[in-house]
């Protein structure tokens, strides 16, 4: 595993159109592309880190994804009434500040500011 980098993460969703709507309107994500063009069941979003975050209409649920953010407090104030809360905003014993919500398919999304 030496030299291995995580560069692409995908969450499975039950309805791609509904999921894209939630990720773009609630989280403010921007769609980069859909695939296949003639009948899309996959989408990936623009990111600033170089890694790919994607959704696919497919079976299976239960992912957990942590996104690094500069200001979790402001994001928490925006999102806490728009999503299912898994963990409210808190400071961890190891120096991060974070909260976790669930998307409509139950995938857990953490938003973390590292110390």
PDB file of N, CA and C in Angstrom:
ATOM      1  N   UNK A   1       0.804  -1.201   0.000  1.00  0.00           N
ATOM      2  CA  UNK A   1       0.000   0.000   0.000  1.00  0.00           C
ATOM      3  C   UNK A   1       0.850   1.269   0.000  1.00  0.00           C
ATOM      4  N   UNK A   2       2.137   1.143   0.118  1.00  0.00           N
ATOM      5  CA  UNK A   2       2.983   2.323   0.128  1.00  0.00           C
ATOM      6  C   UNK A   2       2.822   3.078  -1.182  1.00  0.00           C
ATOM      7  N   UNK A   3       2.640   4.379  -1.078  1.00  0.00           N
ATOM      8  CA  UNK A   3       2.465   5.212  -2.266  1.00  0.00           C
ATOM      9  C   UNK A   3       1.034   5.271  -2.763  1.00  0.00           C
ATOM     10  N   UNK A   4       0.117   4.553  -2.129  1.00  0.00           N
ATOM     11  CA  UNK A   4      -1.289   4.567  -2.532  1.00  0.00           C
ATOM     12  C   UNK A   4      -1.938   5.870  -2.099  1.00  0.00           C
ATOM     13  N   UNK A   5      -2.695   6.485  -3.012  1.00  0.00           N
ATOM     14  CA  UNK A   5      -3.402   7.730  -2.719  1.00  0.00           C
ATOM     15  C   UNK A   5      -4.886   7.522  -2.983  1.00  0.00           C
ATOM     16  N   UNK A   6      -5.728   8.021  -2.104  1.00  0.00           N
ATOM     17  CA  UNK A   6      -7.171   8.006  -2.327  1.00  0.00           C
ATOM     18  C   UNK A   6      -7.511   9.231  -3.152  1.00  0.00           C
ATOM     19  N   UNK A   7      -7.990   9.010  -4.371  1.00  0.00           N
ATOM     20  CA  UNK A   7      -8.267  10.127  -5.274  1.00  0.00           C
ATOM     21  C   UNK A   7      -9.685  10.136  -5.826  1.00  0.00           C
ATOM     22  N   UNK A   8     -10.467   9.083  -5.516  1.00  0.00           N
ATOM     23  CA  UNK A   8     -11.817   9.008  -6.052  1.00  0.00           C
ATOM     24  C   UNK A   8     -12.699   8.276  -5.047  1.00  0.00           C
ATOM     25  N   UNK A   9     -13.777   8.933  -4.629  1.00  0.00           N
ATOM     26  CA  UNK A   9     -14.734   8.348  -3.701  1.00  0.00           C
ATOM     27  C   UNK A   9     -16.112   8.458  -4.329  1.00  0.00           C
ATOM     28  N   UNK A  10     -16.893   7.366  -4.231  1.00  0.00           N
ATOM     29  CA  UNK A  10     -18.239   7.355  -4.802  1.00  0.00           C
ATOM     30  C   UNK A  10     -19.239   6.874  -3.760  1.00  0.00           C
ATOM     31  N   UNK A  11     -20.355   7.576  -3.661  1.00  0.00           N
ATOM     32  CA  UNK A  11     -21.469   7.152  -2.816  1.00  0.00           C
ATOM     33  C   UNK A  11     -22.580   6.632  -3.717  1.00  0.00           C
ATOM     34  N   UNK A  12     -23.204   5.535  -3.309  1.00  0.00           N
ATOM     35  CA  UNK A  12     -24.343   5.003  -4.044  1.00  0.00           C
ATOM     36  C   UNK A  12     -25.622   5.676  -3.559  1.00  0.00           C
ATOM     37  N   UNK A  13     -26.515   5.966  -4.501  1.00  0.00           N
ATOM     38  CA  UNK A  13     -27.784   6.625  -4.195  1.00  0.00           C
ATOM     39  C   UNK A  13     -28.922   5.890  -4.902  1.00  0.00           C
ATOM     40  N   UNK A  14     -30.142   6.061  -4.398  1.00  0.00           N
ATOM     41  CA  UNK A  14     -31.288   5.387  -5.011  1.00  0.00           C
ATOM     42  C   UNK A  14     -31.822   6.120  -6.227  1.00  0.00           C
ATOM     43  N   UNK A  15     -31.731   7.447  -6.237  1.00  0.00           N
ATOM     44  CA  UNK A  15     -32.250   8.236  -7.351  1.00  0.00           C
ATOM     45  C   UNK A  15     -31.246   9.342  -7.648  1.00  0.00           C
ATOM     46  N   UNK A  16     -30.577   9.248  -8.787  1.00  0.00           N
ATOM     47  CA  UNK A  16     -29.503  10.185  -9.119  1.00  0.00           C
ATOM     48  C   UNK A  16     -29.999  11.622  -9.206  1.00  0.00           C
ATOM     49  N   UNK A  17     -31.114  11.844  -9.873  1.00  0.00           N
ATOM     50  CA  UNK A  17     -31.622  13.212 -10.042  1.00  0.00           C
ATOM     51  C   UNK A  17     -31.935  13.852  -8.691  1.00  0.00           C
ATOM     52  N   UNK A  18     -32.598  13.108  -7.807  1.00  0.00           N
ATOM     53  CA  UNK A  18     -32.912  13.643  -6.479  1.00  0.00           C
ATOM     54  C   UNK A  18     -31.639  13.918  -5.687  1.00  0.00           C
ATOM     55  N   UNK A  19     -30.672  13.011  -5.768  1.00  0.00           N
ATOM     56  CA  UNK A  19     -29.421  13.186  -5.037  1.00  0.00           C
ATOM     57  C   UNK A  19     -28.646  14.396  -5.553  1.00  0.00           C
ATOM     58  N   UNK A  20     -28.550  14.546  -6.872  1.00  0.00           N
ATOM     59  CA  UNK A  20     -27.848  15.699  -7.444  1.00  0.00           C
ATOM     60  C   UNK A  20     -28.529  16.992  -7.000  1.00  0.00           C
ATOM     61  N   UNK A  21     -29.841  16.998  -7.006  1.00  0.00           N
ATOM     62  CA  UNK A  21     -30.575  18.189  -6.557  1.00  0.00           C
ATOM     63  C   UNK A  21     -30.192  18.529  -5.113  1.00  0.00           C
ATOM     64  N   UNK A  22     -30.152  17.525  -4.229  1.00  0.00           N
ATOM     65  CA  UNK A  22     -29.821  17.759  -2.825  1.00  0.00           C
ATOM     66  C   UNK A  22     -28.380  18.252  -2.676  1.00  0.00           C
ATOM     67  N   UNK A  23     -27.439  17.597  -3.341  1.00  0.00           N
ATOM     68  CA  UNK A  23     -26.030  17.984  -3.212  1.00  0.00           C
ATOM     69  C   UNK A  23     -25.766  19.377  -3.790  1.00  0.00           C
ATOM     70  N   UNK A  24     -26.471  19.756  -4.843  1.00  0.00           N
ATOM     71  CA  UNK A  24     -26.237  21.077  -5.434  1.00  0.00           C
ATOM     72  C   UNK A  24     -26.988  22.179  -4.697  1.00  0.00           C
ATOM     73  N   UNK A  25     -28.211  21.912  -4.233  1.00  0.00           N
ATOM     74  CA  UNK A  25     -28.969  22.976  -3.573  1.00  0.00           C
ATOM     75  C   UNK A  25     -28.664  23.093  -2.093  1.00  0.00           C
ATOM     76  N   UNK A  26     -28.506  21.983  -1.390  1.00  0.00           N
ATOM     77  CA  UNK A  26     -28.245  22.038   0.048  1.00  0.00           C
ATOM     78  C   UNK A  26     -26.766  22.287   0.330  1.00  0.00           C
ATOM     79  N   UNK A  27     -25.885  21.535  -0.328  1.00  0.00           N
ATOM     80  CA  UNK A  27     -24.452  21.665  -0.064  1.00  0.00           C
ATOM     81  C   UNK A  27     -23.735  22.640  -0.989  1.00  0.00           C
ATOM     82  N   UNK A  28     -24.368  23.013  -2.087  1.00  0.00           N
ATOM     83  CA  UNK A  28     -23.736  23.952  -3.009  1.00  0.00           C
ATOM     84  C   UNK A  28     -22.678  23.343  -3.908  1.00  0.00           C
ATOM     85  N   UNK A  29     -22.684  22.011  -4.038  1.00  0.00           N
ATOM     86  CA  UNK A  29     -21.729  21.346  -4.927  1.00  0.00           C
ATOM     87  C   UNK A  29     -22.042  21.698  -6.381  1.00  0.00           C
ATOM     88  N   UNK A  30     -21.023  21.649  -7.219  1.00  0.00           N
ATOM     89  CA  UNK A  30     -21.164  21.949  -8.645  1.00  0.00           C
ATOM     90  C   UNK A  30     -20.855  20.690  -9.452  1.00  0.00           C
ATOM     91  N   UNK A  31     -21.799  20.315 -10.326  1.00  0.00           N
ATOM     92  CA  UNK A  31     -21.614  19.129 -11.164  1.00  0.00           C
ATOM     93  C   UNK A  31     -20.522  19.387 -12.188  1.00  0.00           C
ATOM     94  N   UNK A  32     -19.591  18.441 -12.296  1.00  0.00           N
ATOM     95  CA  UNK A  32     -18.562  18.518 -13.335  1.00  0.00           C
ATOM     96  C   UNK A  32     -18.995  17.749 -14.571  1.00  0.00           C
ATOM     97  N   UNK A  33     -19.520  16.512 -14.384  1.00  0.00           N
ATOM     98  CA  UNK A  33     -19.989  15.757 -15.550  1.00  0.00           C
ATOM     99  C   UNK A  33     -20.870  14.585 -15.123  1.00  0.00           C
ATOM    100  N   UNK A  34     -21.648  14.109 -16.094  1.00  0.00           N
ATOM    101  CA  UNK A  34     -22.497  12.929 -15.944  1.00  0.00           C
ATOM    102  C   UNK A  34     -21.991  11.840 -16.885  1.00  0.00           C
ATOM    103  N   UNK A  35     -22.305  10.566 -16.552  1.00  0.00           N
ATOM    104  CA  UNK A  35     -21.908   9.462 -17.409  1.00  0.00           C
ATOM    105  C   UNK A  35     -22.881   8.310 -17.265  1.00  0.00           C
ATOM    106  N   UNK A  36     -23.174   7.533 -18.295  1.00  0.00           N
ATOM    107  CA  UNK A  36     -22.893   7.818 -19.706  1.00  0.00           C
ATOM    108  C   UNK A  36     -23.821   8.913 -20.226  1.00  0.00           C
ATOM    109  N   UNK A  37     -23.396   9.634 -21.234  1.00  0.00           N
ATOM    110  CA  UNK A  37     -24.153  10.794 -21.712  1.00  0.00           C
ATOM    111  C   UNK A  37     -25.590  10.473 -22.131  1.00  0.00           C
ATOM    112  N   UNK A  38     -25.801   9.314 -22.734  1.00  0.00           N
ATOM    113  CA  UNK A  38     -27.133   8.990 -23.253  1.00  0.00           C
ATOM    114  C   UNK A  38     -28.136   8.607 -22.169  1.00  0.00           C
ATOM    115  N   UNK A  39     -27.678   8.129 -21.033  1.00  0.00           N
ATOM    116  CA  UNK A  39     -28.572   7.734 -19.941  1.00  0.00           C
ATOM    117  C   UNK A  39     -27.770   7.710 -18.634  1.00  0.00           C
ATOM    118  N   UNK A  40     -27.499   8.885 -18.073  1.00  0.00           N
ATOM    119  CA  UNK A  40     -26.583   8.954 -16.944  1.00  0.00           C
ATOM    120  C   UNK A  40     -27.078   8.226 -15.689  1.00  0.00           C
ATOM    121  N   UNK A  41     -26.168   7.497 -15.062  1.00  0.00           N
ATOM    122  CA  UNK A  41     -26.416   6.923 -13.742  1.00  0.00           C
ATOM    123  C   UNK A  41     -25.248   7.267 -12.803  1.00  0.00           C
ATOM    124  N   UNK A  42     -24.379   8.177 -13.236  1.00  0.00           N
ATOM    125  CA  UNK A  42     -23.171   8.548 -12.500  1.00  0.00           C
ATOM    126  C   UNK A  42     -22.923  10.037 -12.684  1.00  0.00           C
ATOM    127  N   UNK A  43     -22.482  10.691 -11.625  1.00  0.00           N
ATOM    128  CA  UNK A  43     -22.127  12.106 -11.688  1.00  0.00           C
ATOM    129  C   UNK A  43     -20.912  12.328 -10.797  1.00  0.00           C
ATOM    130  N   UNK A  44     -20.034  13.222 -11.225  1.00  0.00           N
ATOM    131  CA  UNK A  44     -19.004  13.654 -10.285  1.00  0.00           C
ATOM    132  C   UNK A  44     -18.975  15.165 -10.235  1.00  0.00           C
ATOM    133  N   UNK A  45     -18.504  15.637  -9.083  1.00  0.00           N
ATOM    134  CA  UNK A  45     -18.576  17.051  -8.745  1.00  0.00           C
ATOM    135  C   UNK A  45     -17.208  17.701  -8.808  1.00  0.00           C
ATOM    136  N   UNK A  46     -17.200  19.008  -9.004  1.00  0.00           N
ATOM    137  CA  UNK A  46     -15.989  19.806  -8.971  1.00  0.00           C
ATOM    138  C   UNK A  46     -15.480  19.824  -7.534  1.00  0.00           C
ATOM    139  N   UNK A  47     -14.184  19.576  -7.360  1.00  0.00           N
ATOM    140  CA  UNK A  47     -13.567  19.699  -6.031  1.00  0.00           C
ATOM    141  C   UNK A  47     -12.321  20.565  -6.161  1.00  0.00           C
ATOM    142  N   UNK A  48     -11.862  21.055  -5.042  1.00  0.00           N
ATOM    143  CA  UNK A  48     -10.677  21.920  -5.054  1.00  0.00           C
ATOM    144  C   UNK A  48      -9.424  21.187  -4.605  1.00  0.00           C
ATOM    145  N   UNK A  49      -9.578  19.917  -4.254  1.00  0.00           N
ATOM    146  CA  UNK A  49      -8.428  19.179  -3.732  1.00  0.00           C
ATOM    147  C   UNK A  49      -7.773  18.284  -4.776  1.00  0.00           C
ATOM    148  N   UNK A  50      -8.431  18.111  -5.901  1.00  0.00           N
ATOM    149  CA  UNK A  50      -7.904  17.207  -6.914  1.00  0.00           C
ATOM    150  C   UNK A  50      -8.521  15.824  -6.845  1.00  0.00           C
ATOM    151  N   UNK A  51      -9.130  15.470  -5.717  1.00  0.00           N
ATOM    152  CA  UNK A  51      -9.812  14.183  -5.594  1.00  0.00           C
ATOM    153  C   UNK A  51     -11.197  14.280  -6.225  1.00  0.00           C
ATOM    154  N   UNK A  52     -11.731  13.156  -6.644  1.00  0.00           N
ATOM    155  CA  UNK A  52     -13.059  13.109  -7.248  1.00  0.00           C
ATOM    156  C   UNK A  52     -14.069  12.616  -6.225  1.00  0.00           C
ATOM    157  N   UNK A  53     -15.186  13.346  -6.070  1.00  0.00           N
ATOM    158  CA  UNK A  53     -16.316  12.884  -5.277  1.00  0.00           C
ATOM    159  C   UNK A  53     -17.464  12.651  -6.244  1.00  0.00           C
ATOM    160  N   UNK A  54     -18.019  11.438  -6.221  1.00  0.00           N
ATOM    161  CA  UNK A  54     -19.026  11.057  -7.209  1.00  0.00           C
ATOM    162  C   UNK A  54     -20.225  10.386  -6.550  1.00  0.00           C
ATOM    163  N   UNK A  55     -21.331  10.359  -7.296  1.00  0.00           N
ATOM    164  CA  UNK A  55     -22.534   9.625  -6.919  1.00  0.00           C
ATOM    165  C   UNK A  55     -22.894   8.688  -8.057  1.00  0.00           C
ATOM    166  N   UNK A  56     -23.440   7.525  -7.722  1.00  0.00           N
ATOM    167  CA  UNK A  56     -23.907   6.590  -8.737  1.00  0.00           C
ATOM    168  C   UNK A  56     -25.223   5.980  -8.289  1.00  0.00           C
ATOM    169  N   UNK A  57     -26.168   5.932  -9.204  1.00  0.00           N
ATOM    170  CA  UNK A  57     -27.429   5.265  -8.917  1.00  0.00           C
ATOM    171  C   UNK A  57     -27.165   3.767  -8.940  1.00  0.00           C
ATOM    172  N   UNK A  58     -27.107   3.163  -7.739  1.00  0.00           N
ATOM    173  CA  UNK A  58     -26.729   1.757  -7.617  1.00  0.00           C
ATOM    174  C   UNK A  58     -27.178   1.227  -6.268  1.00  0.00           C
ATOM    175  N   UNK A  59     -27.149  -0.087  -6.136  1.00  0.00           N
ATOM    176  CA  UNK A  59     -27.498  -0.732  -4.872  1.00  0.00           C
ATOM    177  C   UNK A  59     -26.391  -0.528  -3.840  1.00  0.00           C
ATOM    178  N   UNK A  60     -26.769  -0.672  -2.582  1.00  0.00           N
ATOM    179  CA  UNK A  60     -25.799  -0.597  -1.494  1.00  0.00           C
ATOM    180  C   UNK A  60     -25.713   0.796  -0.915  1.00  0.00           C
ATOM    181  N   UNK A  61     -25.695   0.898   0.385  1.00  0.00           N
ATOM    182  CA  UNK A  61     -25.612   2.179   1.085  1.00  0.00           C
ATOM    183  C   UNK A  61     -24.623   2.060   2.234  1.00  0.00           C
ATOM    184  N   UNK A  62     -24.384   3.181   2.876  1.00  0.00           N
ATOM    185  CA  UNK A  62     -23.651   3.143   4.128  1.00  0.00           C
ATOM    186  C   UNK A  62     -22.277   3.756   4.120  1.00  0.00           C
ATOM    187  N   UNK A  63     -21.966   4.651   3.191  1.00  0.00           N
ATOM    188  CA  UNK A  63     -20.647   5.275   3.176  1.00  0.00           C
ATOM    189  C   UNK A  63     -20.523   6.388   4.199  1.00  0.00           C
ATOM    190  N   UNK A  64     -19.282   6.679   4.570  1.00  0.00           N
ATOM    191  CA  UNK A  64     -18.968   7.813   5.450  1.00  0.00           C
ATOM    192  C   UNK A  64     -17.840   8.588   4.789  1.00  0.00           C
ATOM    193  N   UNK A  65     -18.044   9.879   4.588  1.00  0.00           N
ATOM    194  CA  UNK A  65     -17.085  10.718   3.895  1.00  0.00           C
ATOM    195  C   UNK A  65     -16.841  11.973   4.722  1.00  0.00           C
ATOM    196  N   UNK A  66     -15.586  12.335   4.931  1.00  0.00           N
ATOM    197  CA  UNK A  66     -15.246  13.561   5.636  1.00  0.00           C
ATOM    198  C   UNK A  66     -14.665  14.568   4.658  1.00  0.00           C
ATOM    199  N   UNK A  67     -15.224  15.758   4.670  1.00  0.00           N
ATOM    200  CA  UNK A  67     -14.765  16.854   3.831  1.00  0.00           C
ATOM    201  C   UNK A  67     -14.071  17.872   4.738  1.00  0.00           C
ATOM    202  N   UNK A  68     -12.900  18.330   4.345  1.00  0.00           N
ATOM    203  CA  UNK A  68     -12.185  19.343   5.102  1.00  0.00           C
ATOM    204  C   UNK A  68     -12.717  20.715   4.703  1.00  0.00           C
ATOM    205  N   UNK A  69     -13.078  21.523   5.697  1.00  0.00           N
ATOM    206  CA  UNK A  69     -13.612  22.864   5.461  1.00  0.00           C
ATOM    207  C   UNK A  69     -12.872  23.861   6.338  1.00  0.00           C
ATOM    208  N   UNK A  70     -12.883  25.130   5.933  1.00  0.00           N
ATOM    209  CA  UNK A  70     -12.216  26.176   6.709  1.00  0.00           C
ATOM    210  C   UNK A  70     -13.057  26.644   7.892  1.00  0.00           C
ATOM    211  N   UNK A  71     -14.384  26.661   7.712  1.00  0.00           N
ATOM    212  CA  UNK A  71     -15.264  27.250   8.725  1.00  0.00           C
ATOM    213  C   UNK A  71     -16.473  26.348   8.976  1.00  0.00           C
ATOM    214  N   UNK A  72     -16.312  25.318   9.810  1.00  0.00           N
ATOM    215  CA  UNK A  72     -17.430  24.420  10.063  1.00  0.00           C
ATOM    216  C   UNK A  72     -18.596  25.103  10.786  1.00  0.00           C
ATOM    217  N   UNK A  73     -18.322  26.153  11.553  1.00  0.00           N
ATOM    218  CA  UNK A  73     -19.387  26.834  12.288  1.00  0.00           C
ATOM    219  C   UNK A  73     -20.400  27.483  11.353  1.00  0.00           C
ATOM    220  N   UNK A  74     -19.915  28.180  10.343  1.00  0.00           N
ATOM    221  CA  UNK A  74     -20.817  28.821   9.387  1.00  0.00           C
ATOM    222  C   UNK A  74     -21.581  27.782   8.584  1.00  0.00           C
ATOM    223  N   UNK A  75     -20.888  26.729   8.158  1.00  0.00           N
ATOM    224  CA  UNK A  75     -21.549  25.676   7.400  1.00  0.00           C
ATOM    225  C   UNK A  75     -22.594  24.972   8.259  1.00  0.00           C
ATOM    226  N   UNK A  76     -22.290  24.710   9.513  1.00  0.00           N
ATOM    227  CA  UNK A  76     -23.239  24.095  10.449  1.00  0.00           C
ATOM    228  C   UNK A  76     -24.501  24.959  10.562  1.00  0.00           C
ATOM    229  N   UNK A  77     -24.325  26.266  10.722  1.00  0.00           N
ATOM    230  CA  UNK A  77     -25.476  27.165  10.836  1.00  0.00           C
ATOM    231  C   UNK A  77     -26.362  27.082   9.597  1.00  0.00           C
ATOM    232  N   UNK A  78     -25.757  26.871   8.438  1.00  0.00           N
ATOM    233  CA  UNK A  78     -26.508  26.767   7.193  1.00  0.00           C
ATOM    234  C   UNK A  78     -27.196  25.420   7.044  1.00  0.00           C
ATOM    235  N   UNK A  79     -26.535  24.340   7.433  1.00  0.00           N
ATOM    236  CA  UNK A  79     -27.023  22.989   7.129  1.00  0.00           C
ATOM    237  C   UNK A  79     -27.847  22.323   8.224  1.00  0.00           C
ATOM    238  N   UNK A  80     -27.743  22.758   9.462  1.00  0.00           N
ATOM    239  CA  UNK A  80     -28.336  21.998  10.570  1.00  0.00           C
ATOM    240  C   UNK A  80     -29.851  21.839  10.477  1.00  0.00           C
ATOM    241  N   UNK A  81     -30.538  22.694   9.748  1.00  0.00           N
ATOM    242  CA  UNK A  81     -31.987  22.569   9.601  1.00  0.00           C
ATOM    243  C   UNK A  81     -32.386  21.991   8.247  1.00  0.00           C
ATOM    244  N   UNK A  82     -31.395  21.588   7.440  1.00  0.00           N
ATOM    245  CA  UNK A  82     -31.674  21.079   6.100  1.00  0.00           C
ATOM    246  C   UNK A  82     -31.314  19.613   5.908  1.00  0.00           C
ATOM    247  N   UNK A  83     -30.789  18.974   6.940  1.00  0.00           N
ATOM    248  CA  UNK A  83     -30.319  17.597   6.790  1.00  0.00           C
ATOM    249  C   UNK A  83     -30.499  16.848   8.103  1.00  0.00           C
ATOM    250  N   UNK A  84     -30.445  15.537   8.004  1.00  0.00           N
ATOM    251  CA  UNK A  84     -30.479  14.693   9.198  1.00  0.00           C
ATOM    252  C   UNK A  84     -29.134  14.788   9.900  1.00  0.00           C
ATOM    253  N   UNK A  85     -29.160  15.089  11.176  1.00  0.00           N
ATOM    254  CA  UNK A  85     -27.924  15.261  11.945  1.00  0.00           C
ATOM    255  C   UNK A  85     -27.489  13.916  12.532  1.00  0.00           C
ATOM    256  N   UNK A  86     -26.248  13.549  12.260  1.00  0.00           N
ATOM    257  CA  UNK A  86     -25.644  12.356  12.852  1.00  0.00           C
ATOM    258  C   UNK A  86     -24.860  12.756  14.107  1.00  0.00           C
ATOM    259  N   UNK A  87     -24.024  13.789  13.974  1.00  0.00           N
ATOM    260  CA  UNK A  87     -23.276  14.357  15.098  1.00  0.00           C
ATOM    261  C   UNK A  87     -23.369  15.873  14.994  1.00  0.00           C
ATOM    262  N   UNK A  88     -23.849  16.560  16.036  1.00  0.00           N
ATOM    263  CA  UNK A  88     -23.844  18.024  15.979  1.00  0.00           C
ATOM    264  C   UNK A  88     -22.417  18.560  16.056  1.00  0.00           C
ATOM    265  N   UNK A  89     -22.263  19.824  15.769  1.00  0.00           N
ATOM    266  CA  UNK A  89     -20.957  20.481  15.790  1.00  0.00           C
ATOM    267  C   UNK A  89     -20.307  20.327  17.164  1.00  0.00           C
ATOM    268  N   UNK A  90     -19.044  19.887  17.172  1.00  0.00           N
ATOM    269  CA  UNK A  90     -18.315  19.728  18.427  1.00  0.00           C
ATOM    270  C   UNK A  90     -16.814  19.766  18.170  1.00  0.00           C
ATOM    271  N   UNK A  91     -16.067  19.984  19.263  1.00  0.00           N
ATOM    272  CA  UNK A  91     -14.608  19.931  19.239  1.00  0.00           C
ATOM    273  C   UNK A  91     -14.184  18.545  19.699  1.00  0.00           C
ATOM    274  N   UNK A  92     -13.294  17.921  18.948  1.00  0.00           N
ATOM    275  CA  UNK A  92     -12.821  16.586  19.310  1.00  0.00           C
ATOM    276  C   UNK A  92     -11.651  16.695  20.281  1.00  0.00           C
ATOM    277  N   UNK A  93     -11.357  15.623  21.022  1.00  0.00           N
ATOM    278  CA  UNK A  93     -10.204  15.639  21.921  1.00  0.00           C
ATOM    279  C   UNK A  93      -8.873  15.713  21.178  1.00  0.00           C
ATOM    280  N   UNK A  94      -8.893  15.422  19.878  1.00  0.00           N
ATOM    281  CA  UNK A  94      -7.651  15.422  19.097  1.00  0.00           C
ATOM    282  C   UNK A  94      -7.485  16.680  18.248  1.00  0.00           C
ATOM    283  N   UNK A  95      -8.273  17.745  18.552  1.00  0.00           N
ATOM    284  CA  UNK A  95      -8.001  19.047  17.977  1.00  0.00           C
ATOM    285  C   UNK A  95      -8.765  19.448  16.730  1.00  0.00           C
ATOM    286  N   UNK A  96      -9.740  18.666  16.317  1.00  0.00           N
ATOM    287  CA  UNK A  96     -10.526  19.077  15.157  1.00  0.00           C
ATOM    288  C   UNK A  96     -11.878  19.619  15.624  1.00  0.00           C
ATOM    289  N   UNK A  97     -12.568  20.287  14.726  1.00  0.00           N
ATOM    290  CA  UNK A  97     -13.938  20.758  14.969  1.00  0.00           C
ATOM    291  C   UNK A  97     -14.756  20.211  13.823  1.00  0.00           C
ATOM    292  N   UNK A  98     -15.892  19.570  14.141  1.00  0.00           N
ATOM    293  CA  UNK A  98     -16.595  18.865  13.078  1.00  0.00           C
ATOM    294  C   UNK A  98     -18.067  18.669  13.396  1.00  0.00           C
ATOM    295  N   UNK A  99     -18.813  18.301  12.342  1.00  0.00           N
ATOM    296  CA  UNK A  99     -20.177  17.805  12.485  1.00  0.00           C
ATOM    297  C   UNK A  99     -20.421  16.810  11.371  1.00  0.00           C
ATOM    298  N   UNK A 100     -21.447  15.992  11.544  1.00  0.00           N
ATOM    299  CA  UNK A 100     -21.775  14.977  10.545  1.00  0.00           C
ATOM    300  C   UNK A 100     -23.271  14.985  10.297  1.00  0.00           C
ATOM    301  N   UNK A 101     -23.637  14.980   9.007  1.00  0.00           N
ATOM    302  CA  UNK A 101     -25.040  14.891   8.596  1.00  0.00           C
ATOM    303  C   UNK A 101     -25.200  13.673   7.691  1.00  0.00           C
ATOM    304  N   UNK A 102     -26.438  13.369   7.335  1.00  0.00           N
ATOM    305  CA  UNK A 102     -26.698  12.290   6.385  1.00  0.00           C
ATOM    306  C   UNK A 102     -27.350  12.869   5.143  1.00  0.00           C
ATOM    307  N   UNK A 103     -26.978  12.325   3.988  1.00  0.00           N
ATOM    308  CA  UNK A 103     -27.682  12.694   2.762  1.00  0.00           C
ATOM    309  C   UNK A 103     -29.000  11.917   2.726  1.00  0.00           C
ATOM    310  N   UNK A 104     -29.876  12.176   1.742  1.00  0.00           N
ATOM    311  CA  UNK A 104     -31.169  11.499   1.707  1.00  0.00           C
ATOM    312  C   UNK A 104     -31.083   9.972   1.603  1.00  0.00           C
ATOM    313  N   UNK A 105     -29.940   9.424   1.176  1.00  0.00           N
ATOM    314  CA  UNK A 105     -29.775   7.975   1.092  1.00  0.00           C
ATOM    315  C   UNK A 105     -29.092   7.385   2.318  1.00  0.00           C
ATOM    316  N   UNK A 106     -28.789   8.199   3.302  1.00  0.00           N
ATOM    317  CA  UNK A 106     -28.181   7.708   4.528  1.00  0.00           C
ATOM    318  C   UNK A 106     -26.665   7.700   4.542  1.00  0.00           C
ATOM    319  N   UNK A 107     -26.011   8.130   3.463  1.00  0.00           N
ATOM    320  CA  UNK A 107     -24.560   8.268   3.474  1.00  0.00           C
ATOM    321  C   UNK A 107     -24.201   9.373   4.463  1.00  0.00           C
ATOM    322  N   UNK A 108     -23.207   9.138   5.287  1.00  0.00           N
ATOM    323  CA  UNK A 108     -22.812  10.114   6.301  1.00  0.00           C
ATOM    324  C   UNK A 108     -21.734  11.043   5.754  1.00  0.00           C
ATOM    325  N   UNK A 109     -21.956  12.349   5.943  1.00  0.00           N
ATOM    326  CA  UNK A 109     -21.046  13.372   5.439  1.00  0.00           C
ATOM    327  C   UNK A 109     -20.527  14.180   6.610  1.00  0.00           C
ATOM    328  N   UNK A 110     -19.239  14.046   6.886  1.00  0.00           N
ATOM    329  CA  UNK A 110     -18.607  14.819   7.937  1.00  0.00           C
ATOM    330  C   UNK A 110     -17.950  16.058   7.359  1.00  0.00           C
ATOM    331  N   UNK A 111     -18.016  17.153   8.093  1.00  0.00           N
ATOM    332  CA  UNK A 111     -17.359  18.402   7.686  1.00  0.00           C
ATOM    333  C   UNK A 111     -16.429  18.791   8.827  1.00  0.00           C
ATOM    334  N   UNK A 112     -15.130  18.823   8.536  1.00  0.00           N
ATOM    335  CA  UNK A 112     -14.094  18.861   9.561  1.00  0.00           C
ATOM    336  C   UNK A 112     -13.123  20.015   9.301  1.00  0.00           C
ATOM    337  N   UNK A 113     -12.798  20.747  10.364  1.00  0.00           N
ATOM    338  CA  UNK A 113     -11.676  21.694  10.315  1.00  0.00           C
ATOM    339  C   UNK A 113     -10.569  21.086  11.159  1.00  0.00           C
ATOM    340  N   UNK A 114      -9.450  20.841  10.541  1.00  0.00           N
ATOM    341  CA  UNK A 114      -8.296  20.289  11.259  1.00  0.00           C
ATOM    342  C   UNK A 114      -7.584  21.402  12.003  1.00  0.00           C
ATOM    343  N   UNK A 115      -6.913  21.042  13.072  1.00  0.00           N
ATOM    344  CA  UNK A 115      -6.199  22.063  13.862  1.00  0.00           C
ATOM    345  C   UNK A 115      -4.930  22.475  13.169  1.00  0.00           C
TER     346      UNK A 115
END
